């Protein structure tokens, strides 16, 4: 695997290989601190990030690499430098991999066509976020042993969510049933052709879910109003305490973060017994170690 640009196109064996490698890292496994010794991993984040950038940095350090953390603040992007010029100039300094987050869908794919080093997509516009989907699947697999026959319900802003798209491909490949739920204005057409079930009737499907993933309402990507208000969204699609009581015993609650507490998820649910949100964050380092090990070897 030269690059990791998306989950779409990966087979079940590819995904399970990465998850198995992450499991080995999580349990200590063979010493991997020498694998990228003397090499540099460049984090190129054209958008803000906390969890993804931090865990890629920690993953690279765990493999012995040095890390270049690049952001647009103070860079030549403010002077009009193009994406390709930025990428080529950073690559010229000699990194073994570029981890790219960008507001434009397809930006990492464009970069990968013009550099020799590995490229990892850390989130591109509304397209994909492959490492997030892998860590979400890893979290569920560790709890369940496998995903075959399980129902995962993803709620919220599906239209603008790269997390939803990557998770749909990843969870389906691992044998799960995926149900996407949100306001009709935030449910793009064509999702059924990708294997998803689509509904706007949250309370009808909620009791069927083995896991529920709440998505953040991405106001920064919305050029128009897709629902009347945050209060109305929370009333119809928020995972509040009353809805949490209707979950299956042992059902899991996930959120890729950052959370709008009180909008898509109530604080009592985010911090409650169903929640594996902090497990997702913890597993992100192991999964991203596995990704770096795969594409940089």
C-alpha atoms as a PDB file:
ATOM      1  CA  UNK A   1       0.000   0.000   0.000  1.00  0.00           C
ATOM      2  CA  UNK A   2       1.848   3.057  -1.292  1.00  0.00           C
ATOM      3  CA  UNK A   3      -0.725   5.595  -0.052  1.00  0.00           C
ATOM      4  CA  UNK A   4      -3.860   5.615   2.094  1.00  0.00           C
ATOM      5  CA  UNK A   5      -6.207   7.987   0.295  1.00  0.00           C
ATOM      6  CA  UNK A   6      -9.553   6.441   1.205  1.00  0.00           C
ATOM      7  CA  UNK A   7     -11.402   3.345   2.355  1.00  0.00           C
ATOM      8  CA  UNK A   8     -13.346   3.023  -0.878  1.00  0.00           C
ATOM      9  CA  UNK A   9     -11.588   0.406  -2.965  1.00  0.00           C
ATOM     10  CA  UNK A  10      -9.962  -1.409  -0.050  1.00  0.00           C
ATOM     11  CA  UNK A  11     -10.982  -5.027   0.423  1.00  0.00           C
ATOM     12  CA  UNK A  12     -11.887  -6.703   3.677  1.00  0.00           C
ATOM     13  CA  UNK A  13      -8.466  -8.373   3.823  1.00  0.00           C
ATOM     14  CA  UNK A  14      -6.709  -4.989   3.502  1.00  0.00           C
ATOM     15  CA  UNK A  15      -8.787  -3.484   6.309  1.00  0.00           C
ATOM     16  CA  UNK A  16      -8.417  -6.481   8.613  1.00  0.00           C
ATOM     17  CA  UNK A  17      -4.658  -6.508   8.027  1.00  0.00           C
ATOM     18  CA  UNK A  18      -4.405  -2.906   9.223  1.00  0.00           C
ATOM     19  CA  UNK A  19      -6.651  -3.597  12.206  1.00  0.00           C
ATOM     20  CA  UNK A  20      -4.627  -6.650  13.132  1.00  0.00           C
ATOM     21  CA  UNK A  21      -1.436  -4.628  12.966  1.00  0.00           C
ATOM     22  CA  UNK A  22      -3.044  -1.974  15.187  1.00  0.00           C
ATOM     23  CA  UNK A  23      -4.023  -4.665  17.695  1.00  0.00           C
ATOM     24  CA  UNK A  24      -0.388  -5.766  17.901  1.00  0.00           C
ATOM     25  CA  UNK A  25       0.695  -2.176  18.532  1.00  0.00           C
ATOM     26  CA  UNK A  26      -1.955  -1.720  21.199  1.00  0.00           C
ATOM     27  CA  UNK A  27      -0.706  -4.764  23.095  1.00  0.00           C
ATOM     28  CA  UNK A  28       2.942  -3.784  22.884  1.00  0.00           C
ATOM     29  CA  UNK A  29       3.862  -6.368  20.248  1.00  0.00           C
ATOM     30  CA  UNK A  30       7.382  -6.476  18.794  1.00  0.00           C
ATOM     31  CA  UNK A  31       9.459  -3.354  19.383  1.00  0.00           C
ATOM     32  CA  UNK A  32       8.667  -0.993  16.492  1.00  0.00           C
ATOM     33  CA  UNK A  33      10.514   2.079  17.755  1.00  0.00           C
ATOM     34  CA  UNK A  34      13.237   1.626  15.128  1.00  0.00           C
ATOM     35  CA  UNK A  35      11.055   1.271  12.029  1.00  0.00           C
ATOM     36  CA  UNK A  36      11.136   4.955  11.021  1.00  0.00           C
ATOM     37  CA  UNK A  37      14.266   5.987  12.919  1.00  0.00           C
ATOM     38  CA  UNK A  38      16.090   8.758  11.087  1.00  0.00           C
ATOM     39  CA  UNK A  39      13.053   9.526   8.931  1.00  0.00           C
ATOM     40  CA  UNK A  40      10.586  12.417   8.957  1.00  0.00           C
ATOM     41  CA  UNK A  41       6.792  12.348   8.778  1.00  0.00           C
ATOM     42  CA  UNK A  42       5.287  15.685   7.708  1.00  0.00           C
ATOM     43  CA  UNK A  43       1.837  16.610   9.005  1.00  0.00           C
ATOM     44  CA  UNK A  44       0.367  19.113   6.534  1.00  0.00           C
ATOM     45  CA  UNK A  45      -2.848  20.397   8.072  1.00  0.00           C
ATOM     46  CA  UNK A  46      -4.629  23.013   5.992  1.00  0.00           C
ATOM     47  CA  UNK A  47      -7.560  22.720   8.432  1.00  0.00           C
ATOM     48  CA  UNK A  48      -7.605  22.757  12.219  1.00  0.00           C
ATOM     49  CA  UNK A  49      -7.361  19.450  14.057  1.00  0.00           C
ATOM     50  CA  UNK A  50      -6.776  18.161  17.571  1.00  0.00           C
ATOM     51  CA  UNK A  51      -7.229  14.380  17.684  1.00  0.00           C
ATOM     52  CA  UNK A  52      -6.045  13.446  14.191  1.00  0.00           C
ATOM     53  CA  UNK A  53      -2.914  15.584  14.132  1.00  0.00           C
ATOM     54  CA  UNK A  54      -1.919  14.724  17.696  1.00  0.00           C
ATOM     55  CA  UNK A  55      -2.345  10.986  17.244  1.00  0.00           C
ATOM     56  CA  UNK A  56      -0.455  10.940  13.927  1.00  0.00           C
ATOM     57  CA  UNK A  57       2.350  12.802  15.678  1.00  0.00           C
ATOM     58  CA  UNK A  58       2.387  10.346  18.587  1.00  0.00           C
ATOM     59  CA  UNK A  59       2.208   7.398  16.185  1.00  0.00           C
ATOM     60  CA  UNK A  60       5.182   8.672  14.187  1.00  0.00           C
ATOM     61  CA  UNK A  61       7.238   9.242  17.330  1.00  0.00           C
ATOM     62  CA  UNK A  62       6.401   5.722  18.531  1.00  0.00           C
ATOM     63  CA  UNK A  63       7.922   4.370  15.315  1.00  0.00           C
ATOM     64  CA  UNK A  64      11.075   6.435  15.818  1.00  0.00           C
ATOM     65  CA  UNK A  65      10.347   9.191  13.304  1.00  0.00           C
ATOM     66  CA  UNK A  66      10.818  12.917  13.617  1.00  0.00           C
ATOM     67  CA  UNK A  67       7.688  14.961  12.926  1.00  0.00           C
ATOM     68  CA  UNK A  68       7.221  18.185  11.022  1.00  0.00           C
ATOM     69  CA  UNK A  69       3.957  19.840  12.038  1.00  0.00           C
ATOM     70  CA  UNK A  70       3.005  22.298   9.302  1.00  0.00           C
ATOM     71  CA  UNK A  71      -0.039  24.571   9.401  1.00  0.00           C
ATOM     72  CA  UNK A  72      -1.222  27.372   7.168  1.00  0.00           C
ATOM     73  CA  UNK A  73      -0.624  29.968   9.895  1.00  0.00           C
ATOM     74  CA  UNK A  74       2.653  31.697   9.123  1.00  0.00           C
ATOM     75  CA  UNK A  75       3.138  29.751   5.880  1.00  0.00           C
ATOM     76  CA  UNK A  76       3.412  30.935   2.288  1.00  0.00           C
ATOM     77  CA  UNK A  77      -0.195  29.904   1.670  1.00  0.00           C
ATOM     78  CA  UNK A  78      -1.107  33.358   2.961  1.00  0.00           C
ATOM     79  CA  UNK A  79       0.989  34.749   0.090  1.00  0.00           C
ATOM     80  CA  UNK A  80      -0.903  32.737  -2.515  1.00  0.00           C
ATOM     81  CA  UNK A  81       1.211  29.583  -2.720  1.00  0.00           C
ATOM     82  CA  UNK A  82      -0.709  26.704  -4.309  1.00  0.00           C
ATOM     83  CA  UNK A  83      -1.325  23.310  -2.748  1.00  0.00           C
ATOM     84  CA  UNK A  84       1.019  21.605  -5.204  1.00  0.00           C
ATOM     85  CA  UNK A  85       3.819  24.112  -4.627  1.00  0.00           C
ATOM     86  CA  UNK A  86       3.487  23.664  -0.874  1.00  0.00           C
ATOM     87  CA  UNK A  87       3.479  19.865  -1.144  1.00  0.00           C
ATOM     88  CA  UNK A  88       6.419  19.750  -3.542  1.00  0.00           C
ATOM     89  CA  UNK A  89       8.479  22.097  -1.408  1.00  0.00           C
ATOM     90  CA  UNK A  90       7.818  20.109   1.762  1.00  0.00           C
ATOM     91  CA  UNK A  91       8.614  16.862  -0.062  1.00  0.00           C
ATOM     92  CA  UNK A  92      11.909  18.363  -1.224  1.00  0.00           C
ATOM     93  CA  UNK A  93      13.044  18.426   2.411  1.00  0.00           C
ATOM     94  CA  UNK A  94      12.929  14.630   2.460  1.00  0.00           C
ATOM     95  CA  UNK A  95       9.967  13.267   4.481  1.00  0.00           C
ATOM     96  CA  UNK A  96       9.009   9.627   4.110  1.00  0.00           C
ATOM     97  CA  UNK A  97       5.298  10.478   4.291  1.00  0.00           C
ATOM     98  CA  UNK A  98       2.928  13.422   3.999  1.00  0.00           C
ATOM     99  CA  UNK A  99      -0.180  13.353   6.209  1.00  0.00           C
ATOM    100  CA  UNK A 100      -2.568  15.812   4.566  1.00  0.00           C
ATOM    101  CA  UNK A 101      -5.793  17.384   5.785  1.00  0.00           C
ATOM    102  CA  UNK A 102      -7.413  19.824   3.399  1.00  0.00           C
ATOM    103  CA  UNK A 103     -10.756  21.580   2.959  1.00  0.00           C
ATOM    104  CA  UNK A 104     -10.973  20.501  -0.694  1.00  0.00           C
ATOM    105  CA  UNK A 105     -12.145  17.015  -1.586  1.00  0.00           C
ATOM    106  CA  UNK A 106      -9.468  15.199  -3.576  1.00  0.00           C
ATOM    107  CA  UNK A 107      -6.507  17.293  -2.363  1.00  0.00           C
ATOM    108  CA  UNK A 108      -4.483  14.300  -1.037  1.00  0.00           C
ATOM    109  CA  UNK A 109      -5.178  12.412  -4.283  1.00  0.00           C
ATOM    110  CA  UNK A 110      -3.799  15.340  -6.279  1.00  0.00           C
ATOM    111  CA  UNK A 111      -0.727  15.486  -4.060  1.00  0.00           C
ATOM    112  CA  UNK A 112      -0.119  11.744  -4.395  1.00  0.00           C
ATOM    113  CA  UNK A 113       0.116  12.085  -8.173  1.00  0.00           C
ATOM    114  CA  UNK A 114       2.935  14.620  -7.875  1.00  0.00           C
ATOM    115  CA  UNK A 115       5.197  13.302  -5.094  1.00  0.00           C
ATOM    116  CA  UNK A 116       7.327  10.199  -4.620  1.00  0.00           C
ATOM    117  CA  UNK A 117       6.772   9.748  -0.882  1.00  0.00           C
ATOM    118  CA  UNK A 118       3.724   8.194   0.742  1.00  0.00           C
ATOM    119  CA  UNK A 119       0.562  10.273   1.164  1.00  0.00           C
ATOM    120  CA  UNK A 120      -2.022   9.673   3.897  1.00  0.00           C
ATOM    121  CA  UNK A 121      -5.411  11.325   3.736  1.00  0.00           C
ATOM    122  CA  UNK A 122      -6.200  12.848   7.138  1.00  0.00           C
ATOM    123  CA  UNK A 123      -9.535  14.214   5.900  1.00  0.00           C
ATOM    124  CA  UNK A 124     -10.329  15.911   2.603  1.00  0.00           C
ATOM    125  CA  UNK A 125     -13.348  18.187   2.388  1.00  0.00           C
ATOM    126  CA  UNK A 126     -16.586  16.204   2.431  1.00  0.00           C
ATOM    127  CA  UNK A 127     -14.978  13.178   0.777  1.00  0.00           C
ATOM    128  CA  UNK A 128     -13.205  10.726   3.133  1.00  0.00           C
ATOM    129  CA  UNK A 129     -11.423  10.356   6.469  1.00  0.00           C
ATOM    130  CA  UNK A 130      -9.977   6.836   6.250  1.00  0.00           C
ATOM    131  CA  UNK A 131      -7.992   6.699   9.488  1.00  0.00           C
ATOM    132  CA  UNK A 132     -11.071   7.768  11.471  1.00  0.00           C
ATOM    133  CA  UNK A 133     -13.145   4.978   9.946  1.00  0.00           C
ATOM    134  CA  UNK A 134     -10.405   2.463  10.720  1.00  0.00           C
ATOM    135  CA  UNK A 135     -10.179   3.498  14.370  1.00  0.00           C
ATOM    136  CA  UNK A 136     -13.972   3.440  14.670  1.00  0.00           C
ATOM    137  CA  UNK A 137     -14.087  -0.096  13.263  1.00  0.00           C
ATOM    138  CA  UNK A 138     -11.170  -1.079  15.487  1.00  0.00           C
ATOM    139  CA  UNK A 139     -13.032   0.189  18.565  1.00  0.00           C
ATOM    140  CA  UNK A 140     -16.145  -1.810  17.668  1.00  0.00           C
ATOM    141  CA  UNK A 141     -14.174  -4.932  16.781  1.00  0.00           C
ATOM    142  CA  UNK A 142     -12.356  -4.888  20.111  1.00  0.00           C
ATOM    143  CA  UNK A 143     -15.697  -4.752  21.921  1.00  0.00           C
ATOM    144  CA  UNK A 144     -17.512  -7.301  19.759  1.00  0.00           C
ATOM    145  CA  UNK A 145     -14.803  -9.510  18.271  1.00  0.00           C
ATOM    146  CA  UNK A 146     -16.252  -8.901  14.800  1.00  0.00           C
ATOM    147  CA  UNK A 147     -18.783  -6.755  12.959  1.00  0.00           C
ATOM    148  CA  UNK A 148     -20.619  -9.354  10.893  1.00  0.00           C
ATOM    149  CA  UNK A 149     -24.367  -8.974  11.347  1.00  0.00           C
ATOM    150  CA  UNK A 150     -24.098  -5.922  13.601  1.00  0.00           C
ATOM    151  CA  UNK A 151     -26.170  -2.793  12.965  1.00  0.00           C
ATOM    152  CA  UNK A 152     -24.396   0.561  13.126  1.00  0.00           C
ATOM    153  CA  UNK A 153     -26.556   3.687  13.039  1.00  0.00           C
ATOM    154  CA  UNK A 154     -24.898   6.944  11.952  1.00  0.00           C
ATOM    155  CA  UNK A 155     -26.893  10.081  12.781  1.00  0.00           C
ATOM    156  CA  UNK A 156     -26.613  13.701  11.736  1.00  0.00           C
ATOM    157  CA  UNK A 157     -24.998  15.749   9.003  1.00  0.00           C
ATOM    158  CA  UNK A 158     -24.406  12.969   6.478  1.00  0.00           C
ATOM    159  CA  UNK A 159     -24.227  15.386   3.542  1.00  0.00           C
ATOM    160  CA  UNK A 160     -21.043  17.112   4.711  1.00  0.00           C
ATOM    161  CA  UNK A 161     -19.465  14.195   6.601  1.00  0.00           C
ATOM    162  CA  UNK A 162     -16.281  12.575   5.329  1.00  0.00           C
ATOM    163  CA  UNK A 163     -16.446  10.384   8.440  1.00  0.00           C
ATOM    164  CA  UNK A 164     -19.831   8.976   7.388  1.00  0.00           C
ATOM    165  CA  UNK A 165     -18.569   8.133   3.909  1.00  0.00           C
ATOM    166  CA  UNK A 166     -15.428   6.373   5.083  1.00  0.00           C
ATOM    167  CA  UNK A 167     -17.331   4.527   7.793  1.00  0.00           C
ATOM    168  CA  UNK A 168     -19.959   3.362   5.323  1.00  0.00           C
ATOM    169  CA  UNK A 169     -17.291   1.762   3.131  1.00  0.00           C
ATOM    170  CA  UNK A 170     -15.341   0.350   6.079  1.00  0.00           C
ATOM    171  CA  UNK A 171     -18.234  -1.056   8.113  1.00  0.00           C
ATOM    172  CA  UNK A 172     -19.909  -2.611   5.075  1.00  0.00           C
ATOM    173  CA  UNK A 173     -16.640  -4.272   4.076  1.00  0.00           C
ATOM    174  CA  UNK A 174     -16.448  -5.830   7.544  1.00  0.00           C
ATOM    175  CA  UNK A 175     -19.956  -7.248   7.342  1.00  0.00           C
ATOM    176  CA  UNK A 176     -22.008  -4.675   9.262  1.00  0.00           C
ATOM    177  CA  UNK A 177     -25.410  -3.263   8.387  1.00  0.00           C
ATOM    178  CA  UNK A 178     -25.130   0.534   8.135  1.00  0.00           C
ATOM    179  CA  UNK A 179     -28.121   2.827   8.622  1.00  0.00           C
ATOM    180  CA  UNK A 180     -27.740   6.555   7.918  1.00  0.00           C
ATOM    181  CA  UNK A 181     -30.193   8.931   9.588  1.00  0.00           C
ATOM    182  CA  UNK A 182     -30.650  12.692   9.495  1.00  0.00           C
ATOM    183  CA  UNK A 183     -32.813  15.518   8.214  1.00  0.00           C
ATOM    184  CA  UNK A 184     -33.846  14.890   4.578  1.00  0.00           C
ATOM    185  CA  UNK A 185     -31.882  18.009   3.592  1.00  0.00           C
ATOM    186  CA  UNK A 186     -28.694  16.424   4.993  1.00  0.00           C
ATOM    187  CA  UNK A 187     -29.140  13.014   3.345  1.00  0.00           C
ATOM    188  CA  UNK A 188     -27.565  13.083  -0.133  1.00  0.00           C
ATOM    189  CA  UNK A 189     -28.996  10.929  -2.894  1.00  0.00           C
ATOM    190  CA  UNK A 190     -27.272   7.737  -3.993  1.00  0.00           C
ATOM    191  CA  UNK A 191     -26.377   6.382  -0.545  1.00  0.00           C
ATOM    192  CA  UNK A 192     -28.462   3.253  -1.084  1.00  0.00           C
ATOM    193  CA  UNK A 193     -26.330   2.363  -4.096  1.00  0.00           C
ATOM    194  CA  UNK A 194     -23.330   2.242  -1.739  1.00  0.00           C
ATOM    195  CA  UNK A 195     -25.067  -0.291   0.487  1.00  0.00           C
ATOM    196  CA  UNK A 196     -26.529   1.992   3.139  1.00  0.00           C
ATOM    197  CA  UNK A 197     -30.048   2.075   4.487  1.00  0.00           C
ATOM    198  CA  UNK A 198     -31.344   5.639   4.747  1.00  0.00           C
ATOM    199  CA  UNK A 199     -34.028   7.092   7.004  1.00  0.00           C
ATOM    200  CA  UNK A 200     -35.048  10.298   8.736  1.00  0.00           C
ATOM    201  CA  UNK A 201     -37.136   8.485  11.365  1.00  0.00           C
ATOM    202  CA  UNK A 202     -34.603   8.208  14.178  1.00  0.00           C
ATOM    203  CA  UNK A 203     -36.887   6.852  16.860  1.00  0.00           C
ATOM    204  CA  UNK A 204     -37.988   3.962  14.624  1.00  0.00           C
ATOM    205  CA  UNK A 205     -34.451   2.657  13.977  1.00  0.00           C
ATOM    206  CA  UNK A 206     -32.753   3.532  17.269  1.00  0.00           C
ATOM    207  CA  UNK A 207     -33.769   0.326  19.123  1.00  0.00           C
ATOM    208  CA  UNK A 208     -32.240  -1.779  16.309  1.00  0.00           C
ATOM    209  CA  UNK A 209     -28.746  -0.345  16.677  1.00  0.00           C
ATOM    210  CA  UNK A 210     -25.826  -2.215  18.201  1.00  0.00           C
ATOM    211  CA  UNK A 211     -23.831   1.013  17.946  1.00  0.00           C
ATOM    212  CA  UNK A 212     -24.793   4.639  17.363  1.00  0.00           C
ATOM    213  CA  UNK A 213     -22.395   7.188  15.910  1.00  0.00           C
ATOM    214  CA  UNK A 214     -23.355  10.847  16.303  1.00  0.00           C
ATOM    215  CA  UNK A 215     -21.891  13.305  13.807  1.00  0.00           C
ATOM    216  CA  UNK A 216     -21.125  16.956  14.439  1.00  0.00           C
ATOM    217  CA  UNK A 217     -23.250  19.497  12.622  1.00  0.00           C
ATOM    218  CA  UNK A 218     -20.645  21.118  10.361  1.00  0.00           C
ATOM    219  CA  UNK A 219     -21.813  24.702  10.157  1.00  0.00           C
ATOM    220  CA  UNK A 220     -18.499  25.759   8.593  1.00  0.00           C
ATOM    221  CA  UNK A 221     -19.275  23.667   5.484  1.00  0.00           C
ATOM    222  CA  UNK A 222     -22.850  24.855   5.079  1.00  0.00           C
ATOM    223  CA  UNK A 223     -23.567  27.727   2.731  1.00  0.00           C
ATOM    224  CA  UNK A 224     -27.293  27.675   3.521  1.00  0.00           C
ATOM    225  CA  UNK A 225     -29.619  26.621   6.300  1.00  0.00           C
ATOM    226  CA  UNK A 226     -30.431  22.891   6.147  1.00  0.00           C
ATOM    227  CA  UNK A 227     -32.658  22.870   9.253  1.00  0.00           C
ATOM    228  CA  UNK A 228     -34.539  25.535  11.221  1.00  0.00           C
ATOM    229  CA  UNK A 229     -32.270  25.721  14.290  1.00  0.00           C
ATOM    230  CA  UNK A 230     -29.839  23.792  16.483  1.00  0.00           C
ATOM    231  CA  UNK A 231     -32.623  23.378  19.011  1.00  0.00           C
ATOM    232  CA  UNK A 232     -34.882  21.790  16.404  1.00  0.00           C
ATOM    233  CA  UNK A 233     -32.082  19.517  15.197  1.00  0.00           C
ATOM    234  CA  UNK A 234     -31.417  18.392  18.765  1.00  0.00           C
ATOM    235  CA  UNK A 235     -35.109  17.681  19.359  1.00  0.00           C
ATOM    236  CA  UNK A 236     -35.453  15.505  16.261  1.00  0.00           C
ATOM    237  CA  UNK A 237     -32.005  13.969  15.867  1.00  0.00           C
ATOM    238  CA  UNK A 238     -30.062  14.508  19.094  1.00  0.00           C
ATOM    239  CA  UNK A 239     -29.052  11.496  21.170  1.00  0.00           C
ATOM    240  CA  UNK A 240     -30.427  12.679  24.506  1.00  0.00           C
ATOM    241  CA  UNK A 241     -30.882  10.837  27.788  1.00  0.00           C
ATOM    242  CA  UNK A 242     -34.415   9.687  26.939  1.00  0.00           C
ATOM    243  CA  UNK A 243     -33.298   8.198  23.632  1.00  0.00           C
ATOM    244  CA  UNK A 244     -30.275   6.572  25.275  1.00  0.00           C
ATOM    245  CA  UNK A 245     -32.648   4.669  27.548  1.00  0.00           C
ATOM    246  CA  UNK A 246     -34.180   3.073  24.449  1.00  0.00           C
ATOM    247  CA  UNK A 247     -30.872   1.667  23.240  1.00  0.00           C
ATOM    248  CA  UNK A 248     -30.207  -2.049  23.353  1.00  0.00           C
ATOM    249  CA  UNK A 249     -28.449  -3.240  26.522  1.00  0.00           C
ATOM    250  CA  UNK A 250     -24.749  -3.035  25.746  1.00  0.00           C
ATOM    251  CA  UNK A 251     -25.177  -0.764  22.727  1.00  0.00           C
ATOM    252  CA  UNK A 252     -22.204   1.499  22.089  1.00  0.00           C
ATOM    253  CA  UNK A 253     -22.142   5.245  21.442  1.00  0.00           C
ATOM    254  CA  UNK A 254     -19.416   6.816  19.300  1.00  0.00           C
ATOM    255  CA  UNK A 255     -18.538  10.321  18.151  1.00  0.00           C
ATOM    256  CA  UNK A 256     -15.569  11.323  15.953  1.00  0.00           C
ATOM    257  CA  UNK A 257     -15.285  14.714  17.653  1.00  0.00           C
ATOM    258  CA  UNK A 258     -15.303  17.542  18.252  1.00  0.00           C
ATOM    259  CA  UNK A 259     -18.700  17.331  19.939  1.00  0.00           C
ATOM    260  CA  UNK A 260     -21.432  19.932  20.022  1.00  0.00           C
ATOM    261  CA  UNK A 261     -22.671  18.914  23.454  1.00  0.00           C
ATOM    262  CA  UNK A 262     -26.372  19.474  23.802  1.00  0.00           C
ATOM    263  CA  UNK A 263     -26.915  19.486  20.025  1.00  0.00           C
ATOM    264  CA  UNK A 264     -26.157  16.087  18.476  1.00  0.00           C
ATOM    265  CA  UNK A 265     -25.370  14.417  21.800  1.00  0.00           C
ATOM    266  CA  UNK A 266     -26.270  15.120  25.418  1.00  0.00           C
ATOM    267  CA  UNK A 267     -23.398  15.415  27.922  1.00  0.00           C
ATOM    268  CA  UNK A 268     -24.925  12.618  30.018  1.00  0.00           C
ATOM    269  CA  UNK A 269     -24.762  10.302  26.996  1.00  0.00           C
ATOM    270  CA  UNK A 270     -21.302  11.391  25.841  1.00  0.00           C
ATOM    271  CA  UNK A 271     -19.942  10.642  29.311  1.00  0.00           C
ATOM    272  CA  UNK A 272     -22.322   7.789  30.121  1.00  0.00           C
ATOM    273  CA  UNK A 273     -22.026   4.002  30.268  1.00  0.00           C
ATOM    274  CA  UNK A 274     -22.756   3.450  26.550  1.00  0.00           C
ATOM    275  CA  UNK A 275     -19.971   5.796  25.444  1.00  0.00           C
ATOM    276  CA  UNK A 276     -16.705   4.559  23.900  1.00  0.00           C
ATOM    277  CA  UNK A 277     -15.701   8.022  22.683  1.00  0.00           C
ATOM    278  CA  UNK A 278     -12.455   8.187  24.658  1.00  0.00           C
ATOM    279  CA  UNK A 279     -11.637   4.634  23.565  1.00  0.00           C
ATOM    280  CA  UNK A 280     -11.859   5.877  19.986  1.00  0.00           C
ATOM    281  CA  UNK A 281      -9.292   8.560  20.772  1.00  0.00           C
ATOM    282  CA  UNK A 282      -6.974   6.119  22.548  1.00  0.00           C
ATOM    283  CA  UNK A 283      -7.180   3.616  19.689  1.00  0.00           C
ATOM    284  CA  UNK A 284      -6.347   6.315  17.155  1.00  0.00           C
ATOM    285  CA  UNK A 285      -2.646   6.171  17.997  1.00  0.00           C
ATOM    286  CA  UNK A 286      -2.390   2.403  17.455  1.00  0.00           C
ATOM    287  CA  UNK A 287      -4.348   2.543  14.218  1.00  0.00           C
ATOM    288  CA  UNK A 288      -2.269   5.394  12.851  1.00  0.00           C
ATOM    289  CA  UNK A 289       0.912   3.579  13.828  1.00  0.00           C
ATOM    290  CA  UNK A 290      -0.322   0.672  11.731  1.00  0.00           C
ATOM    291  CA  UNK A 291      -1.051   2.986   8.790  1.00  0.00           C
ATOM    292  CA  UNK A 292       2.397   4.622   8.925  1.00  0.00           C
ATOM    293  CA  UNK A 293       4.091   1.250   9.242  1.00  0.00           C
ATOM    294  CA  UNK A 294       2.192  -0.033   6.197  1.00  0.00           C
ATOM    295  CA  UNK A 295       2.760   2.862   3.805  1.00  0.00           C
ATOM    296  CA  UNK A 296       6.309   3.729   4.881  1.00  0.00           C
ATOM    297  CA  UNK A 297       7.924   0.291   4.795  1.00  0.00           C
END
